[in-house]
N, C-alpha and C. Protein backbone atom coordinates (compact mmCIF):
# COMPACT_ATOMS: atom_id res chain seq x y z
N MET A 1 33.97 50.54 42.10
CA MET A 1 34.65 51.48 41.23
C MET A 1 34.71 50.94 39.80
N ILE A 2 35.03 49.67 39.67
CA ILE A 2 35.12 49.06 38.35
C ILE A 2 33.75 49.06 37.68
N MET A 3 32.68 48.79 38.46
CA MET A 3 31.34 48.77 37.90
C MET A 3 30.94 50.14 37.37
N VAL A 4 31.34 51.18 38.09
CA VAL A 4 31.00 52.53 37.65
C VAL A 4 31.70 52.85 36.33
N VAL A 5 32.95 52.44 36.21
CA VAL A 5 33.71 52.68 34.98
C VAL A 5 33.06 51.93 33.82
N ASN A 6 32.67 50.67 34.07
CA ASN A 6 32.03 49.87 33.02
C ASN A 6 30.70 50.48 32.60
N LEU A 7 29.92 50.98 33.56
CA LEU A 7 28.65 51.61 33.23
C LEU A 7 28.86 52.88 32.42
N LEU A 8 29.89 53.65 32.75
CA LEU A 8 30.18 54.86 31.99
C LEU A 8 30.60 54.52 30.56
N ARG A 9 31.39 53.46 30.41
CA ARG A 9 31.80 53.04 29.07
C ARG A 9 30.58 52.58 28.26
N LEU A 10 29.71 51.85 28.89
CA LEU A 10 28.51 51.37 28.21
C LEU A 10 27.62 52.54 27.81
N GLY A 11 27.46 53.50 28.70
CA GLY A 11 26.67 54.68 28.38
C GLY A 11 27.25 55.46 27.23
N SER A 12 28.56 55.64 27.20
CA SER A 12 29.17 56.40 26.10
C SER A 12 29.06 55.62 24.79
N ARG A 13 29.14 54.31 24.86
CA ARG A 13 29.01 53.49 23.66
C ARG A 13 27.58 53.60 23.11
N LEU A 14 26.58 53.59 23.99
CA LEU A 14 25.20 53.73 23.55
C LEU A 14 24.97 55.10 22.93
N GLN A 15 25.54 56.13 23.52
CA GLN A 15 25.37 57.48 22.96
C GLN A 15 26.02 57.56 21.58
N ASN A 16 27.17 56.94 21.41
CA ASN A 16 27.83 56.94 20.10
C ASN A 16 26.96 56.23 19.06
N GLU A 17 26.35 55.11 19.45
CA GLU A 17 25.48 54.39 18.51
C GLU A 17 24.26 55.23 18.16
N LYS A 18 23.69 55.95 19.16
CA LYS A 18 22.55 56.81 18.87
C LYS A 18 22.94 57.91 17.91
N MET A 19 24.09 58.46 18.09
CA MET A 19 24.56 59.53 17.21
C MET A 19 24.75 59.00 15.80
N GLN A 20 25.29 57.80 15.66
CA GLN A 20 25.48 57.23 14.34
C GLN A 20 24.14 56.98 13.67
N LEU A 21 23.14 56.56 14.44
CA LEU A 21 21.82 56.32 13.87
C LEU A 21 21.19 57.62 13.38
N VAL A 22 21.41 58.69 14.14
CA VAL A 22 20.83 59.97 13.75
C VAL A 22 21.56 60.54 12.55
N THR A 23 22.86 60.41 12.51
CA THR A 23 23.62 61.03 11.44
C THR A 23 23.57 60.23 10.15
N ARG A 24 23.32 58.92 10.21
CA ARG A 24 23.30 58.11 9.00
C ARG A 24 21.99 57.33 8.88
N PRO A 25 20.87 57.99 8.58
CA PRO A 25 19.62 57.27 8.46
C PRO A 25 19.53 56.44 7.18
N ALA A 26 20.35 56.75 6.17
CA ALA A 26 20.30 56.00 4.91
C ALA A 26 20.79 54.57 5.10
N GLN A 27 21.66 54.38 6.07
CA GLN A 27 22.14 53.02 6.32
C GLN A 27 21.06 52.16 6.96
N LEU A 28 20.15 52.78 7.69
CA LEU A 28 19.07 52.00 8.29
C LEU A 28 18.14 51.45 7.21
N CYS A 29 17.87 52.25 6.23
CA CYS A 29 16.97 51.86 5.15
C CYS A 29 17.83 51.64 3.91
N SER A 30 18.55 50.53 3.86
CA SER A 30 19.50 50.30 2.79
C SER A 30 18.85 49.77 1.53
N SER A 31 17.56 49.38 1.59
CA SER A 31 16.93 48.84 0.39
C SER A 31 16.50 49.97 -0.52
N THR A 32 16.79 49.83 -1.79
CA THR A 32 16.42 50.84 -2.77
C THR A 32 15.03 50.53 -3.31
N SER A 33 14.51 51.42 -4.11
CA SER A 33 13.17 51.22 -4.65
C SER A 33 13.15 50.01 -5.59
N ARG A 34 14.26 49.73 -6.25
CA ARG A 34 14.32 48.57 -7.14
C ARG A 34 14.19 47.28 -6.34
N GLU A 35 14.87 47.23 -5.19
CA GLU A 35 14.77 46.05 -4.34
C GLU A 35 13.37 45.89 -3.77
N VAL A 36 12.74 46.98 -3.42
CA VAL A 36 11.38 46.93 -2.89
C VAL A 36 10.43 46.43 -3.97
N LYS A 37 10.60 46.91 -5.19
CA LYS A 37 9.74 46.44 -6.28
C LYS A 37 9.94 44.95 -6.54
N ARG A 38 11.18 44.51 -6.50
CA ARG A 38 11.48 43.11 -6.74
C ARG A 38 10.86 42.23 -5.64
N GLU A 39 11.00 42.67 -4.39
CA GLU A 39 10.40 41.90 -3.30
C GLU A 39 8.89 41.90 -3.38
N GLY A 40 8.30 43.01 -3.82
CA GLY A 40 6.86 43.07 -4.00
C GLY A 40 6.40 42.14 -5.10
N LEU A 41 7.20 42.05 -6.18
CA LEU A 41 6.87 41.12 -7.26
C LEU A 41 6.91 39.68 -6.78
N TYR A 42 7.92 39.36 -5.96
CA TYR A 42 7.99 38.01 -5.40
C TYR A 42 6.76 37.71 -4.54
N LEU A 43 6.37 38.68 -3.75
CA LEU A 43 5.24 38.49 -2.86
C LEU A 43 3.95 38.29 -3.64
N ILE A 44 3.69 39.15 -4.61
CA ILE A 44 2.46 39.05 -5.39
C ILE A 44 2.51 37.83 -6.30
N GLY A 45 3.64 37.61 -6.97
CA GLY A 45 3.78 36.44 -7.85
C GLY A 45 3.67 35.14 -7.08
N GLY A 46 4.23 35.12 -5.88
CA GLY A 46 4.15 33.92 -5.06
C GLY A 46 2.73 33.60 -4.66
N SER A 47 1.95 34.63 -4.36
CA SER A 47 0.56 34.36 -3.96
C SER A 47 -0.24 33.83 -5.13
N PHE A 48 -0.01 34.37 -6.34
CA PHE A 48 -0.71 33.84 -7.52
C PHE A 48 -0.27 32.41 -7.83
N GLY A 49 1.03 32.16 -7.73
CA GLY A 49 1.54 30.80 -7.97
C GLY A 49 0.98 29.81 -6.97
N LEU A 50 0.92 30.21 -5.73
CA LEU A 50 0.37 29.34 -4.70
C LEU A 50 -1.09 29.03 -4.96
N ARG A 51 -1.83 30.04 -5.42
CA ARG A 51 -3.24 29.83 -5.72
C ARG A 51 -3.41 28.83 -6.86
N GLU A 52 -2.56 28.94 -7.89
CA GLU A 52 -2.64 28.02 -9.03
C GLU A 52 -2.31 26.59 -8.61
N PHE A 53 -1.26 26.42 -7.81
CA PHE A 53 -0.90 25.08 -7.36
C PHE A 53 -1.99 24.48 -6.48
N ALA A 54 -2.60 25.29 -5.64
CA ALA A 54 -3.69 24.79 -4.80
C ALA A 54 -4.88 24.39 -5.67
N GLN A 55 -5.17 25.15 -6.70
CA GLN A 55 -6.29 24.81 -7.59
C GLN A 55 -6.01 23.50 -8.31
N ILE A 56 -4.79 23.28 -8.76
CA ILE A 56 -4.42 22.01 -9.41
C ILE A 56 -4.63 20.86 -8.44
N ARG A 57 -4.27 21.05 -7.20
CA ARG A 57 -4.44 20.01 -6.19
C ARG A 57 -5.91 19.63 -6.04
N TYR A 58 -6.78 20.63 -5.98
CA TYR A 58 -8.20 20.33 -5.81
C TYR A 58 -8.81 19.74 -7.08
N ASP A 59 -8.34 20.17 -8.25
CA ASP A 59 -8.84 19.59 -9.50
C ASP A 59 -8.49 18.11 -9.60
N VAL A 60 -7.26 17.77 -9.25
CA VAL A 60 -6.84 16.36 -9.29
C VAL A 60 -7.64 15.55 -8.28
N HIS A 61 -7.91 16.12 -7.13
CA HIS A 61 -8.70 15.42 -6.11
C HIS A 61 -10.10 15.12 -6.62
N GLU A 62 -10.70 16.06 -7.35
CA GLU A 62 -12.03 15.84 -7.91
C GLU A 62 -12.01 14.74 -8.95
N LEU A 63 -10.95 14.69 -9.78
CA LEU A 63 -10.88 13.66 -10.80
C LEU A 63 -10.74 12.27 -10.19
N HIS A 64 -9.92 12.15 -9.16
CA HIS A 64 -9.71 10.85 -8.54
C HIS A 64 -10.88 10.46 -7.63
N GLY A 65 -11.67 11.41 -7.23
CA GLY A 65 -12.80 11.12 -6.35
C GLY A 65 -13.99 10.53 -7.08
N LYS A 66 -14.04 10.69 -8.40
CA LYS A 66 -15.17 10.19 -9.17
C LYS A 66 -15.03 8.69 -9.39
N VAL A 67 -16.15 7.95 -9.21
CA VAL A 67 -16.15 6.51 -9.35
C VAL A 67 -17.11 6.15 -10.49
N ASP A 68 -16.71 5.16 -11.27
CA ASP A 68 -17.55 4.68 -12.36
C ASP A 68 -18.86 4.12 -11.80
N PRO A 69 -20.02 4.47 -12.36
CA PRO A 69 -21.30 3.99 -11.81
C PRO A 69 -21.43 2.47 -11.81
N ALA A 70 -20.87 1.80 -12.83
CA ALA A 70 -20.93 0.33 -12.87
C ALA A 70 -20.14 -0.27 -11.71
N LEU A 71 -18.99 0.32 -11.44
CA LEU A 71 -18.17 -0.16 -10.32
C LEU A 71 -18.86 0.12 -9.00
N LYS A 72 -19.54 1.25 -8.91
CA LYS A 72 -20.25 1.60 -7.69
C LYS A 72 -21.36 0.59 -7.40
N GLU A 73 -22.10 0.17 -8.44
CA GLU A 73 -23.15 -0.83 -8.28
C GLU A 73 -22.57 -2.18 -7.87
N LYS A 74 -21.42 -2.53 -8.47
CA LYS A 74 -20.77 -3.80 -8.13
C LYS A 74 -20.33 -3.80 -6.66
N LEU A 75 -19.84 -2.66 -6.20
CA LEU A 75 -19.43 -2.57 -4.80
C LEU A 75 -20.62 -2.66 -3.86
N LYS A 76 -21.77 -2.12 -4.27
CA LYS A 76 -22.96 -2.21 -3.44
C LYS A 76 -23.45 -3.65 -3.32
N GLN A 77 -23.29 -4.45 -4.42
CA GLN A 77 -23.75 -5.83 -4.40
C GLN A 77 -22.84 -6.70 -3.53
N ASN A 78 -21.56 -6.43 -3.52
CA ASN A 78 -20.61 -7.23 -2.75
C ASN A 78 -20.46 -6.66 -1.35
N ARG A 79 -21.50 -6.76 -0.58
CA ARG A 79 -21.46 -6.25 0.79
C ARG A 79 -20.78 -7.27 1.69
N VAL A 80 -19.74 -6.85 2.35
CA VAL A 80 -19.04 -7.69 3.32
C VAL A 80 -19.30 -7.09 4.69
N THR A 81 -19.88 -7.90 5.55
CA THR A 81 -20.19 -7.42 6.89
C THR A 81 -19.30 -8.11 7.90
N LEU A 82 -19.30 -7.59 9.07
CA LEU A 82 -18.51 -8.16 10.15
C LEU A 82 -19.02 -9.55 10.51
N GLU A 83 -20.32 -9.72 10.45
CA GLU A 83 -20.91 -11.02 10.78
C GLU A 83 -20.51 -12.09 9.77
N SER A 84 -20.49 -11.73 8.48
CA SER A 84 -20.12 -12.72 7.46
C SER A 84 -18.65 -13.13 7.62
N GLU A 85 -17.80 -12.20 7.93
CA GLU A 85 -16.40 -12.53 8.15
C GLU A 85 -16.22 -13.38 9.40
N TYR A 86 -17.00 -13.10 10.44
CA TYR A 86 -16.93 -13.90 11.66
C TYR A 86 -17.37 -15.34 11.39
N GLU A 87 -18.40 -15.51 10.57
CA GLU A 87 -18.85 -16.86 10.23
C GLU A 87 -17.78 -17.62 9.47
N LYS A 88 -17.06 -16.95 8.57
CA LYS A 88 -15.96 -17.60 7.85
C LYS A 88 -14.88 -18.07 8.82
N LEU A 89 -14.57 -17.25 9.81
CA LEU A 89 -13.55 -17.63 10.79
C LEU A 89 -14.01 -18.78 11.66
N GLU A 90 -15.31 -18.84 12.00
CA GLU A 90 -15.83 -19.95 12.79
C GLU A 90 -15.75 -21.26 12.04
N LYS A 91 -15.97 -21.23 10.73
CA LYS A 91 -15.94 -22.44 9.92
C LYS A 91 -14.52 -22.97 9.75
N SER A 92 -13.53 -22.10 9.76
CA SER A 92 -12.15 -22.56 9.57
C SER A 92 -11.65 -23.23 10.84
N ASN A 93 -10.72 -24.15 10.65
CA ASN A 93 -10.16 -24.91 11.75
C ASN A 93 -8.89 -24.22 12.22
N LEU A 94 -8.96 -23.53 13.34
CA LEU A 94 -7.82 -22.79 13.84
C LEU A 94 -6.99 -23.57 14.85
N ASP A 95 -7.45 -24.77 15.20
CA ASP A 95 -6.71 -25.55 16.19
C ASP A 95 -5.55 -26.32 15.57
N ASN A 96 -5.67 -26.71 14.32
CA ASN A 96 -4.61 -27.47 13.66
C ASN A 96 -3.88 -26.56 12.68
N TRP A 97 -2.80 -26.02 13.11
CA TRP A 97 -2.00 -25.16 12.28
C TRP A 97 -0.54 -25.50 12.46
N GLU A 98 0.26 -25.10 11.49
CA GLU A 98 1.69 -25.40 11.53
C GLU A 98 2.46 -24.11 11.33
N ASN A 99 3.45 -23.90 12.16
CA ASN A 99 4.28 -22.71 12.05
C ASN A 99 5.29 -22.92 10.92
N ILE A 100 5.25 -22.07 9.92
CA ILE A 100 6.15 -22.19 8.78
C ILE A 100 7.13 -21.02 8.82
N ARG A 101 8.42 -21.37 8.88
CA ARG A 101 9.46 -20.35 8.94
C ARG A 101 9.83 -19.90 7.53
N GLY A 102 9.92 -18.59 7.35
CA GLY A 102 10.34 -18.04 6.07
C GLY A 102 11.85 -18.07 5.96
N PRO A 103 12.39 -17.97 4.76
CA PRO A 103 13.85 -18.00 4.60
C PRO A 103 14.49 -16.75 5.19
N SER A 104 15.68 -16.92 5.70
CA SER A 104 16.44 -15.78 6.21
C SER A 104 17.01 -15.00 5.04
N LEU A 105 17.57 -13.84 5.33
CA LEU A 105 18.09 -12.98 4.27
C LEU A 105 19.23 -13.64 3.50
N TRP A 106 20.05 -14.42 4.17
CA TRP A 106 21.21 -15.01 3.52
C TRP A 106 20.87 -16.33 2.83
N GLU A 107 19.67 -16.86 3.05
CA GLU A 107 19.27 -18.11 2.43
C GLU A 107 18.58 -17.86 1.09
N ASP A 108 18.75 -18.79 0.17
CA ASP A 108 18.07 -18.73 -1.11
C ASP A 108 16.66 -19.29 -0.91
N SER A 109 15.65 -18.53 -1.29
CA SER A 109 14.27 -18.93 -1.02
C SER A 109 13.89 -20.18 -1.81
N ARG A 110 14.43 -20.36 -2.99
CA ARG A 110 14.08 -21.53 -3.81
C ARG A 110 14.60 -22.82 -3.19
N THR A 111 15.82 -22.79 -2.66
CA THR A 111 16.35 -24.01 -2.04
C THR A 111 15.58 -24.33 -0.76
N VAL A 112 15.19 -23.32 -0.01
CA VAL A 112 14.42 -23.54 1.21
C VAL A 112 13.06 -24.14 0.86
N GLN A 113 12.42 -23.66 -0.21
CA GLN A 113 11.13 -24.20 -0.64
C GLN A 113 11.27 -25.66 -1.07
N LYS A 114 12.36 -25.97 -1.80
CA LYS A 114 12.58 -27.36 -2.22
C LYS A 114 12.74 -28.27 -1.01
N GLN A 115 13.48 -27.81 0.00
CA GLN A 115 13.69 -28.61 1.20
C GLN A 115 12.37 -28.83 1.93
N ARG A 116 11.53 -27.82 1.99
CA ARG A 116 10.24 -27.97 2.66
C ARG A 116 9.33 -28.94 1.92
N ARG A 117 9.31 -28.83 0.60
CA ARG A 117 8.49 -29.75 -0.19
C ARG A 117 8.95 -31.19 -0.02
N GLU A 118 10.26 -31.35 0.00
CA GLU A 118 10.81 -32.69 0.18
C GLU A 118 10.46 -33.23 1.56
N ALA A 119 10.57 -32.40 2.59
CA ALA A 119 10.25 -32.84 3.95
C ALA A 119 8.75 -33.15 4.05
N LEU A 120 7.90 -32.36 3.39
CA LEU A 120 6.46 -32.61 3.43
C LEU A 120 6.12 -33.90 2.68
N ARG A 121 6.82 -34.16 1.56
CA ARG A 121 6.58 -35.38 0.80
C ARG A 121 6.99 -36.61 1.61
N LEU A 122 8.13 -36.50 2.31
CA LEU A 122 8.57 -37.61 3.14
C LEU A 122 7.66 -37.83 4.33
N LYS A 123 7.08 -36.76 4.85
CA LYS A 123 6.19 -36.87 6.00
C LYS A 123 4.88 -37.56 5.61
N THR A 124 4.38 -37.29 4.42
CA THR A 124 3.11 -37.88 4.00
C THR A 124 3.25 -39.32 3.55
N GLU A 125 4.48 -39.77 3.20
CA GLU A 125 4.65 -41.16 2.76
C GLU A 125 4.75 -42.12 3.87
């Protein structure tokens, strides 16, 4: 019984809303021609502005992409290959190394460096 009453109330409420929509169509379309023109200007102006900003982006990319020919030749002469770097690593002595601790945030780096130099000087003497 309660469900039937609720359904009837819902149905009458929907009919009232339909009647309001039919009787007041101006409220559905509340935007005036001035607002439509303004929104259209934003839409068209925004697309032109976006196009200009995109063009600036590509122009800057072209400027930064150009390399001086002298620098380009210098880069071609200084070829670094994986094999050359591997040979450098083979020549270095990786077995004898010392772990060096950096200063903590609360320590003064200059005093820590002085202490290390002093300890190294005492070690070599």
